[in-house]
Amino acid sequence: MAQGQERSSNWLVVPQAGQALDQLKFEIANELGIQVPQDGYMGNIASRDNGAIGGHITRRLVQMAEQQLAGQ
């Protein structure tokens, strides 16, 4: 792979949404009682906990989209 190219297909359509998603991630972790390090590095958190956070983020985003569609 050429240098500078990223393998990840996870990219944000709206780059400014990154900060909002990070805020949501920390909010959900707090709700689940998962302690997030001050530096924000999630690599030392158990896979199960990271999966729980990701699952709740997905549920919350789907719920928000459904509410938005219902309002239109």
C-alpha atoms as a PDB file:
ATOM      1  CA  MET A   1       0.000   0.000   0.000  1.00  0.00           C
ATOM      2  CA  ALA A   2       1.304   3.432  -0.889  1.00  0.00           C
ATOM      3  CA  GLN A   3       2.520   5.627   1.892  1.00  0.00           C
ATOM      4  CA  GLY A   4      -0.080   8.050   3.212  1.00  0.00           C
ATOM      5  CA  GLN A   5      -3.034   5.886   2.230  1.00  0.00           C
ATOM      6  CA  GLU A   6      -5.239   4.612   4.977  1.00  0.00           C
ATOM      7  CA  ARG A   7      -6.745   1.114   4.964  1.00  0.00           C
ATOM      8  CA  SER A   8      -9.728   2.028   7.104  1.00  0.00           C
ATOM      9  CA  SER A   9     -13.053   2.482   5.374  1.00  0.00           C
ATOM     10  CA  ASN A  10     -14.383   4.317   8.432  1.00  0.00           C
ATOM     11  CA  TRP A  11     -14.295   7.962   7.481  1.00  0.00           C
ATOM     12  CA  LEU A  12     -16.644  10.751   8.393  1.00  0.00           C
ATOM     13  CA  VAL A  13     -18.732  12.320   5.660  1.00  0.00           C
ATOM     14  CA  VAL A  14     -18.837  15.486   7.780  1.00  0.00           C
ATOM     15  CA  PRO A  15     -15.389  15.844   9.399  1.00  0.00           C
ATOM     16  CA  GLN A  16     -16.739  18.291  11.996  1.00  0.00           C
ATOM     17  CA  ALA A  17     -18.897  15.453  13.357  1.00  0.00           C
ATOM     18  CA  GLY A  18     -15.806  13.845  14.903  1.00  0.00           C
ATOM     19  CA  GLN A  19     -15.926  16.030  17.993  1.00  0.00           C
ATOM     20  CA  ALA A  20     -19.659  15.337  18.489  1.00  0.00           C
ATOM     21  CA  LEU A  21     -19.050  11.580  18.165  1.00  0.00           C
ATOM     22  CA  ASP A  22     -16.228  11.751  20.707  1.00  0.00           C
ATOM     23  CA  GLN A  23     -18.528  13.614  23.095  1.00  0.00           C
ATOM     24  CA  LEU A  24     -21.199  10.942  22.592  1.00  0.00           C
ATOM     25  CA  LYS A  25     -18.611   8.203  23.194  1.00  0.00           C
ATOM     26  CA  PHE A  26     -17.538   9.688  26.527  1.00  0.00           C
ATOM     27  CA  GLU A  27     -21.155  10.345  27.551  1.00  0.00           C
ATOM     28  CA  ILE A  28     -22.174   6.738  26.872  1.00  0.00           C
ATOM     29  CA  ALA A  29     -19.066   5.352  28.593  1.00  0.00           C
ATOM     30  CA  ASN A  30     -19.984   7.409  31.642  1.00  0.00           C
ATOM     31  CA  GLU A  31     -23.584   6.108  31.549  1.00  0.00           C
ATOM     32  CA  LEU A  32     -22.288   2.535  31.393  1.00  0.00           C
ATOM     33  CA  GLY A  33     -19.866   3.148  34.260  1.00  0.00           C
ATOM     34  CA  ILE A  34     -16.798   2.602  32.094  1.00  0.00           C
ATOM     35  CA  GLN A  35     -13.836   4.684  33.227  1.00  0.00           C
ATOM     36  CA  VAL A  36     -12.216   6.451  30.278  1.00  0.00           C
ATOM     37  CA  PRO A  37      -8.616   7.637  30.758  1.00  0.00           C
ATOM     38  CA  GLN A  38      -8.052  11.409  30.855  1.00  0.00           C
ATOM     39  CA  ASP A  39      -6.014  11.321  27.655  1.00  0.00           C
ATOM     40  CA  GLY A  40      -8.950   9.716  25.801  1.00  0.00           C
ATOM     41  CA  TYR A  41      -6.931   6.673  24.679  1.00  0.00           C
ATOM     42  CA  MET A  42      -9.343   3.744  24.564  1.00  0.00           C
ATOM     43  CA  GLY A  43      -6.755   1.098  23.666  1.00  0.00           C
ATOM     44  CA  ASN A  44      -6.379  -0.177  27.224  1.00  0.00           C
ATOM     45  CA  ILE A  45     -10.107  -0.733  27.721  1.00  0.00           C
ATOM     46  CA  ALA A  46     -11.458  -4.285  27.353  1.00  0.00           C
ATOM     47  CA  SER A  47     -12.856  -5.203  23.945  1.00  0.00           C
ATOM     48  CA  ARG A  48     -16.176  -6.072  25.555  1.00  0.00           C
ATOM     49  CA  ASP A  49     -16.450  -2.573  27.030  1.00  0.00           C
ATOM     50  CA  ASN A  50     -15.462  -0.900  23.755  1.00  0.00           C
ATOM     51  CA  GLY A  51     -18.052  -3.038  21.967  1.00  0.00           C
ATOM     52  CA  ALA A  52     -20.719  -2.018  24.468  1.00  0.00           C
ATOM     53  CA  ILE A  53     -19.894   1.643  23.898  1.00  0.00           C
ATOM     54  CA  GLY A  54     -20.017   1.205  20.122  1.00  0.00           C
ATOM     55  CA  GLY A  55     -23.314  -0.672  20.299  1.00  0.00           C
ATOM     56  CA  HIS A  56     -24.913   2.033  22.412  1.00  0.00           C
ATOM     57  CA  ILE A  57     -23.589   4.737  20.073  1.00  0.00           C
ATOM     58  CA  THR A  58     -25.202   2.927  17.135  1.00  0.00           C
ATOM     59  CA  ARG A  59     -28.512   2.570  18.974  1.00  0.00           C
ATOM     60  CA  ARG A  60     -28.491   6.235  19.936  1.00  0.00           C
ATOM     61  CA  LEU A  61     -27.692   7.384  16.374  1.00  0.00           C
ATOM     62  CA  VAL A  62     -30.441   5.177  14.898  1.00  0.00           C
ATOM     63  CA  GLN A  63     -32.890   6.488  17.480  1.00  0.00           C
ATOM     64  CA  MET A  64     -31.952  10.090  16.640  1.00  0.00           C
ATOM     65  CA  ALA A  65     -32.382   9.418  12.907  1.00  0.00           C
ATOM     66  CA  GLU A  66     -35.778   7.782  13.451  1.00  0.00           C
ATOM     67  CA  GLN A  67     -36.952  10.761  15.513  1.00  0.00           C
ATOM     68  CA  GLN A  68     -35.720  13.136  12.843  1.00  0.00           C
ATOM     69  CA  LEU A  69     -37.511  11.203  10.087  1.00  0.00           C
ATOM     70  CA  ALA A  70     -40.720  10.995  12.116  1.00  0.00           C
ATOM     71  CA  GLY A  71     -40.664  14.768  12.571  1.00  0.00           C
ATOM     72  CA  GLN A  72     -40.501  15.437   8.820  1.00  0.00           C
END
